[in-house]
Amino acid sequence: MNKQGGGKHTMKNIQLQTVSRHFRLAPLAGGVYAAIHASGGWAISNAGIIDLGDRTLVFDTFLTPHAAQDLRAVAEELTGRPVSAVINSHYHNDHIWGNQAFGPDTDVISTVETRRLIMTEGMKEYDWYRDNSAAQLESLQSQFQAKQDEGQRQQMSLWISYYQGIIEAMPTLTVRLPNVTFAERLNLYGAQRSAELIAYSGGHTENDTVLYLPAEGIVFMSDLLFVGCHPYLADGDPEEILHTLEAIRGLAPQTLVPGHGPIGTPDALSLMGEYIVELEKLARKMVEAGEPKEKIAETAIPAPFDLWEYPTFFAANLRFLYEHLSSK
């Protein structure tokens, strides 16, 4: 792999490169890369590497320090310098538990609200996984052996990798908190490009940050966008996600890096919005017809979403919307 210093970057073909068992690297522009989770690895989510010309940024740090150590090494090799700052998009474990892989000279940046959530909900999450991951993995492995359908086995393999990574990380895992915070927007200026951090409230979680590169038309969306995967809606407000998707569309992006799934085009914003609207229609129809919540398990996933990854999120999302509408 060629090192790139502070000089002018050369554009590379946008294709996935194998650099780690945990993720694949996709060059998006000169000095801008997406790190896409690899099947069987312990990244679980996607991340980004951004060379500002004189400083290097990393956007999100994966589920495990093991995957994040590879991310750090790749970032340093690509740019020829240490990582200056890590950005935490939101508090969920699969995006921040790799923080500890970065040295003490690397700042960890988030919104004030995300830092608070890491300290509160995030620590509850940590405690739950510490106490329950071994049992969850054992159950999943038993179910996997019992499944005959190859598609179902493939879907379960992600969750097996998820818990395997957590169990391996737990003995030395430290939840490293952000040491630099901002409220709504933060501009980061470098010798060759600038990056904008923009926070949105109440969508995927109570607070989520995207990284926008205006000159390149690239947005690292984290879990405000899933591509080819069912999103997880139950920790936020789907209506706010729709507003956020429209706000992102207003930035006129050309390339979108989701929290999960492959790199997307602007059409991915529309498809994610259609998914939310379709599920709201299904939930509303059930509530208005007086159908019991138990029928959710029998509801078929409508096309084209029936081909998406993470199908278990469909029932969870529909249940969340059903309960939300029932409480009104």
Protein backbone atom coordinates (compact mmCIF):
# COMPACT_ATOMS: atom_id res chain seq x y z
CA MET A 1 0.00 0.00 0.00
CA ASN A 2 1.45 3.35 -1.00
CA LYS A 3 1.86 6.08 1.58
CA GLN A 4 0.49 9.50 0.76
CA GLY A 5 1.93 12.53 2.46
CA GLY A 6 0.80 16.11 2.45
CA GLY A 7 1.22 16.55 -1.30
CA LYS A 8 -1.53 16.46 -3.90
CA HIS A 9 -3.53 13.23 -3.87
CA THR A 10 -4.20 11.18 -6.97
CA MET A 11 -7.69 9.90 -7.56
CA LYS A 12 -8.06 6.13 -7.30
CA ASN A 13 -10.70 3.89 -8.81
CA ILE A 14 -13.62 3.43 -6.44
CA GLN A 15 -13.36 -0.26 -5.65
CA LEU A 16 -13.09 -2.29 -2.48
CA GLN A 17 -9.59 -3.25 -1.44
CA THR A 18 -8.81 -5.96 1.10
CA VAL A 19 -6.69 -4.43 3.84
CA SER A 20 -8.05 -6.15 6.96
CA ARG A 21 -10.15 -9.17 7.87
CA HIS A 22 -12.53 -6.70 9.52
CA PHE A 23 -13.17 -4.24 6.67
CA ARG A 24 -12.59 -3.40 3.03
CA LEU A 25 -11.27 -0.04 1.86
CA ALA A 26 -13.05 2.01 -0.81
CA PRO A 27 -11.25 5.11 -2.18
CA LEU A 28 -13.88 7.82 -2.77
CA ALA A 29 -11.64 10.75 -3.75
CA GLY A 30 -7.99 11.61 -3.38
CA GLY A 31 -7.33 11.20 0.34
CA VAL A 32 -10.90 10.14 1.21
CA TYR A 33 -11.74 6.52 1.97
CA ALA A 34 -14.68 4.51 3.25
CA ALA A 35 -13.93 1.48 5.43
CA ILE A 36 -16.75 -1.00 4.79
CA HIS A 37 -17.45 -3.88 7.19
CA ALA A 38 -16.30 -7.25 5.88
CA SER A 39 -18.42 -10.35 6.44
CA GLY A 40 -17.08 -12.33 9.38
CA GLY A 41 -15.10 -9.39 10.71
CA TRP A 42 -15.52 -7.42 13.91
CA ALA A 43 -16.00 -3.96 12.44
CA ILE A 44 -19.78 -4.49 12.09
CA SER A 45 -20.34 -0.85 11.05
CA ASN A 46 -18.64 1.35 8.45
CA ALA A 47 -16.08 4.09 9.06
CA GLY A 48 -14.14 6.74 7.15
CA ILE A 49 -10.62 8.08 6.69
CA ILE A 50 -10.26 11.71 5.61
CA ASP A 51 -6.94 13.41 4.85
CA LEU A 52 -7.32 17.18 5.26
CA GLY A 53 -3.84 17.69 3.82
CA ASP A 54 -2.08 18.36 7.10
CA ARG A 55 -4.28 16.38 9.49
CA THR A 56 -5.99 13.01 9.34
CA LEU A 57 -9.55 12.36 10.53
CA VAL A 58 -11.26 9.06 11.24
CA PHE A 59 -15.06 8.95 11.27
CA ASP A 60 -16.36 6.29 13.70
CA THR A 61 -14.21 3.49 15.11
CA PHE A 62 -16.13 0.23 14.68
CA LEU A 63 -17.36 -2.23 17.31
CA THR A 64 -14.02 -3.56 18.53
CA PRO A 65 -10.55 -2.23 19.26
CA HIS A 66 -9.24 -5.13 17.11
CA ALA A 67 -10.90 -3.69 13.99
CA ALA A 68 -10.04 -0.12 15.04
CA GLN A 69 -6.34 -0.99 15.39
CA ASP A 70 -6.35 -2.02 11.74
CA LEU A 71 -8.25 1.15 10.85
CA ARG A 72 -5.66 3.28 12.61
CA ALA A 73 -2.79 1.45 10.92
CA VAL A 74 -4.34 1.85 7.48
CA ALA A 75 -5.06 5.56 8.07
CA GLU A 76 -1.48 6.19 9.15
CA GLU A 77 -0.07 4.28 6.19
CA LEU A 78 -2.28 6.08 3.69
CA THR A 79 -1.54 9.57 4.97
CA GLY A 80 1.95 9.17 6.40
CA ARG A 81 1.00 10.73 9.74
CA PRO A 82 -0.80 9.86 12.99
CA VAL A 83 -4.56 10.29 13.21
CA SER A 84 -5.28 13.77 14.56
CA ALA A 85 -8.92 13.29 15.49
CA VAL A 86 -11.65 10.67 15.67
CA ILE A 87 -15.30 11.66 15.27
CA ASN A 88 -18.00 9.68 17.08
CA SER A 89 -21.24 9.98 15.13
CA HIS A 90 -23.48 8.70 17.93
CA TYR A 91 -23.33 6.62 21.09
CA HIS A 92 -24.11 3.09 19.83
CA ASN A 93 -21.38 0.58 20.64
CA ASP A 94 -20.68 -0.58 17.09
CA HIS A 95 -19.47 2.93 16.22
CA ILE A 96 -17.41 3.91 19.28
CA TRP A 97 -15.94 0.91 21.09
CA GLY A 98 -12.84 1.16 18.90
CA ASN A 99 -11.94 4.58 20.37
CA GLN A 100 -9.32 3.12 22.69
CA ALA A 101 -7.22 1.94 19.72
CA PHE A 102 -6.18 5.53 19.06
CA GLY A 103 -3.39 7.17 21.02
CA PRO A 104 -3.70 9.87 23.70
CA ASP A 105 -2.63 12.53 21.18
CA THR A 106 -5.70 11.76 19.07
CA ASP A 107 -8.71 13.87 20.00
CA VAL A 108 -12.11 12.19 20.13
CA ILE A 109 -14.83 14.58 18.94
CA SER A 110 -18.59 14.36 19.37
CA THR A 111 -21.53 16.56 20.15
CA VAL A 112 -22.18 17.47 23.78
CA GLU A 113 -25.31 15.33 23.67
CA THR A 114 -23.56 12.28 22.23
CA ARG A 115 -20.91 12.47 24.94
CA ARG A 116 -23.70 12.55 27.55
CA LEU A 117 -25.37 9.55 25.93
CA ILE A 118 -22.12 7.56 25.89
CA MET A 119 -21.80 8.23 29.62
CA THR A 120 -25.40 7.22 30.38
CA GLU A 121 -27.16 4.95 27.86
CA GLY A 122 -23.83 3.83 26.47
CA MET A 123 -22.62 2.57 29.83
CA LYS A 124 -25.91 0.72 30.35
CA GLU A 125 -25.26 -0.88 26.96
CA TYR A 126 -21.73 -1.79 28.04
CA ASP A 127 -23.01 -3.43 31.25
CA TRP A 128 -25.65 -5.42 29.37
CA TYR A 129 -23.19 -6.80 26.84
CA ARG A 130 -20.64 -7.61 29.55
CA ASP A 131 -23.26 -9.68 31.39
CA ASN A 132 -25.15 -11.26 28.47
CA SER A 133 -22.90 -11.69 25.43
CA ALA A 134 -21.72 -15.21 26.27
CA ALA A 135 -25.29 -16.50 26.62
CA GLN A 136 -26.39 -14.67 23.47
CA LEU A 137 -23.54 -16.20 21.46
CA GLU A 138 -24.29 -19.70 22.73
CA SER A 139 -27.95 -19.32 21.79
CA LEU A 140 -27.13 -17.99 18.32
CA GLN A 141 -24.68 -20.79 17.63
CA SER A 142 -27.28 -23.38 18.62
CA GLN A 143 -29.88 -21.76 16.38
CA PHE A 144 -27.37 -21.56 13.53
CA GLN A 145 -26.71 -25.31 13.72
CA ALA A 146 -30.44 -26.02 13.70
CA LYS A 147 -31.19 -23.83 10.66
CA GLN A 148 -31.39 -25.56 7.29
CA ASP A 149 -32.05 -22.48 5.16
CA GLU A 150 -28.75 -21.08 3.90
CA GLY A 151 -30.15 -17.55 3.73
CA GLN A 152 -31.15 -17.63 7.38
CA ARG A 153 -27.78 -19.07 8.34
CA GLN A 154 -26.04 -16.26 6.47
CA GLN A 155 -28.09 -13.62 8.26
CA MET A 156 -27.34 -15.19 11.64
CA SER A 157 -23.61 -15.26 10.92
CA LEU A 158 -23.42 -11.46 11.28
CA TRP A 159 -24.76 -11.63 14.83
CA ILE A 160 -22.46 -14.50 15.68
CA SER A 161 -19.49 -12.38 14.54
CA TYR A 162 -20.92 -9.45 16.50
CA TYR A 163 -20.96 -11.32 19.79
CA GLN A 164 -17.67 -13.08 19.12
CA GLY A 165 -16.02 -9.69 18.67
CA ILE A 166 -17.56 -8.32 21.86
CA ILE A 167 -16.51 -11.35 23.92
CA GLU A 168 -12.96 -11.11 22.58
CA ALA A 169 -12.80 -7.37 23.31
CA MET A 170 -14.45 -7.31 26.74
CA PRO A 171 -11.48 -8.27 28.96
CA THR A 172 -9.58 -5.12 27.96
CA LEU A 173 -12.38 -2.92 26.62
CA THR A 174 -12.52 0.66 27.88
CA VAL A 175 -15.23 3.07 26.79
CA ARG A 176 -13.14 6.08 25.85
CA LEU A 177 -15.11 9.33 26.06
CA PRO A 178 -14.86 12.24 23.63
CA ASN A 179 -12.60 15.02 24.91
CA VAL A 180 -13.71 17.66 22.38
CA THR A 181 -17.39 18.53 22.00
CA PHE A 182 -19.55 20.85 19.92
CA ALA A 183 -23.25 21.67 19.75
CA GLU A 184 -24.63 21.75 16.20
CA ARG A 185 -21.87 22.38 13.64
CA LEU A 186 -18.09 22.25 13.61
CA ASN A 187 -15.87 23.15 10.66
CA LEU A 188 -12.47 21.51 10.37
CA TYR A 189 -10.08 23.23 7.95
CA GLY A 190 -6.98 21.64 6.46
CA ALA A 191 -4.34 22.49 3.91
CA GLN A 192 -6.16 20.67 1.10
CA ARG A 193 -9.81 20.34 2.10
CA SER A 194 -12.34 21.23 4.76
CA ALA A 195 -14.85 19.01 6.53
CA GLU A 196 -18.10 19.98 8.21
CA LEU A 197 -19.59 18.11 11.15
CA ILE A 198 -23.36 18.59 11.24
CA ALA A 199 -25.52 17.29 14.09
CA TYR A 200 -29.16 16.24 13.76
CA SER A 201 -31.42 15.60 16.74
CA GLY A 202 -33.95 12.84 17.32
CA GLY A 203 -33.42 10.72 14.22
CA HIS A 204 -31.58 7.43 14.64
CA THR A 205 -30.74 8.35 18.25
CA GLU A 206 -31.26 11.50 20.28
CA ASN A 207 -28.25 13.00 18.49
CA ASP A 208 -26.37 11.95 15.34
CA THR A 209 -23.52 13.61 13.47
CA VAL A 210 -22.64 13.40 9.78
CA LEU A 211 -19.35 14.42 8.17
CA TYR A 212 -19.76 16.46 4.99
CA LEU A 213 -17.05 17.19 2.45
CA PRO A 214 -18.55 20.03 0.40
CA ALA A 215 -15.91 20.14 -2.34
CA GLU A 216 -16.23 16.42 -3.03
CA GLY A 217 -19.98 16.03 -2.44
CA ILE A 218 -19.37 13.20 0.02
CA VAL A 219 -21.37 12.64 3.21
CA PHE A 220 -20.47 10.06 5.86
CA MET A 221 -23.97 9.40 7.23
CA SER A 222 -23.40 6.74 9.90
CA ASP A 223 -26.75 5.21 10.96
CA LEU A 224 -28.89 8.01 9.57
CA LEU A 225 -28.59 5.95 6.39
CA PHE A 226 -28.56 2.20 5.78
CA VAL A 227 -28.01 0.89 2.24
CA GLY A 228 -29.38 -2.53 1.32
CA CYS A 229 -30.10 -3.17 5.00
CA HIS A 230 -33.10 -2.74 7.26
CA PRO A 231 -32.35 0.27 9.51
CA TYR A 232 -32.87 0.18 13.25
CA LEU A 233 -35.61 2.71 14.07
CA ALA A 234 -36.53 1.89 17.65
CA ASP A 235 -34.04 4.21 19.37
CA GLY A 236 -35.14 7.37 17.62
CA ASP A 237 -37.93 9.08 15.69
CA PRO A 238 -38.63 7.94 12.10
CA GLU A 239 -40.30 11.27 11.28
CA GLU A 240 -37.10 13.07 12.23
CA ILE A 241 -35.11 10.70 10.06
CA LEU A 242 -37.30 11.72 7.10
CA HIS A 243 -36.58 15.39 7.83
CA THR A 244 -32.87 14.64 8.09
CA LEU A 245 -32.83 12.75 4.80
CA GLU A 246 -34.36 15.80 3.12
CA ALA A 247 -31.79 18.06 4.78
CA ILE A 248 -28.99 15.86 3.47
CA ARG A 249 -30.53 15.92 0.02
CA GLY A 250 -30.29 19.71 0.21
CA LEU A 251 -26.50 19.39 0.43
CA ALA A 252 -26.57 17.90 -3.10
CA PRO A 253 -24.29 14.96 -2.25
CA GLN A 254 -22.93 12.62 -4.90
CA THR A 255 -21.60 9.88 -2.62
CA LEU A 256 -23.08 8.65 0.67
CA VAL A 257 -21.34 6.36 3.13
CA PRO A 258 -23.95 4.62 5.30
CA GLY A 259 -23.48 3.25 8.78
CA HIS A 260 -24.18 -0.21 7.38
CA GLY A 261 -24.17 -1.55 3.84
CA PRO A 262 -22.35 -0.56 0.65
CA ILE A 263 -21.62 2.97 -0.54
CA GLY A 264 -24.73 4.71 -1.80
CA THR A 265 -25.83 7.34 -4.32
CA PRO A 266 -28.49 10.01 -3.69
CA ASP A 267 -31.14 7.42 -4.62
CA ALA A 268 -30.37 5.67 -1.32
CA LEU A 269 -31.87 8.63 0.55
CA SER A 270 -35.16 8.16 -1.31
CA LEU A 271 -35.23 4.41 -0.76
CA MET A 272 -34.62 4.77 2.97
CA GLY A 273 -37.44 7.30 3.11
CA GLU A 274 -39.74 4.96 1.21
CA TYR A 275 -38.95 2.20 3.70
CA ILE A 276 -39.98 4.35 6.66
CA VAL A 277 -43.17 5.55 4.95
CA GLU A 278 -44.12 1.98 3.97
CA LEU A 279 -43.64 0.68 7.51
CA GLU A 280 -45.66 3.55 8.95
CA LYS A 281 -48.49 2.67 6.55
CA LEU A 282 -48.37 -0.99 7.61
CA ALA A 283 -48.36 -0.09 11.30
CA ARG A 284 -51.18 2.43 10.91
CA LYS A 285 -53.30 -0.08 9.00
CA MET A 286 -52.87 -2.63 11.78
CA VAL A 287 -53.73 -0.13 14.52
CA GLU A 288 -56.79 1.20 12.71
CA ALA A 289 -58.01 -2.36 12.03
CA GLY A 290 -57.58 -3.26 15.70
CA GLU A 291 -55.16 -6.05 14.89
CA PRO A 292 -53.14 -7.36 17.84
CA LYS A 293 -49.41 -6.70 18.08
CA GLU A 294 -48.80 -10.44 17.88
CA LYS A 295 -49.70 -10.37 14.17
CA ILE A 296 -46.53 -8.41 13.44
CA ALA A 297 -44.53 -11.65 13.44
CA GLU A 298 -46.73 -12.91 10.59
CA THR A 299 -46.33 -9.78 8.44
CA ALA A 300 -44.34 -10.40 5.27
CA ILE A 301 -41.59 -7.97 4.36
CA PRO A 302 -42.75 -6.05 1.28
CA ALA A 303 -40.64 -5.77 -1.87
CA PRO A 304 -38.03 -4.51 -2.50
CA PHE A 305 -37.11 -4.57 1.18
CA ASP A 306 -37.50 -8.35 1.38
CA LEU A 307 -34.05 -8.64 -0.21
CA TRP A 308 -32.32 -6.41 2.33
CA GLU A 309 -29.90 -7.54 5.01
CA TYR A 310 -30.81 -7.49 8.74
CA PRO A 311 -34.40 -8.75 8.18
CA THR A 312 -34.90 -9.22 11.94
CA PHE A 313 -35.02 -5.43 12.23
CA PHE A 314 -38.22 -5.37 10.15
CA ALA A 315 -40.43 -6.83 12.87
CA ALA A 316 -38.71 -4.73 15.54
CA ASN A 317 -39.27 -1.57 13.51
CA LEU A 318 -42.91 -2.44 12.78
CA ARG A 319 -43.52 -3.20 16.46
CA PHE A 320 -41.97 0.12 17.46
CA LEU A 321 -44.18 2.05 15.03
CA TYR A 322 -47.28 0.06 16.07
CA GLU A 323 -46.70 0.88 19.74
CA HIS A 324 -45.97 4.51 18.93
CA LEU A 325 -49.21 4.90 16.97
CA SER A 326 -51.22 2.96 19.57
CA SER A 327 -50.12 5.34 22.31
CA LYS A 328 -51.48 8.42 20.53
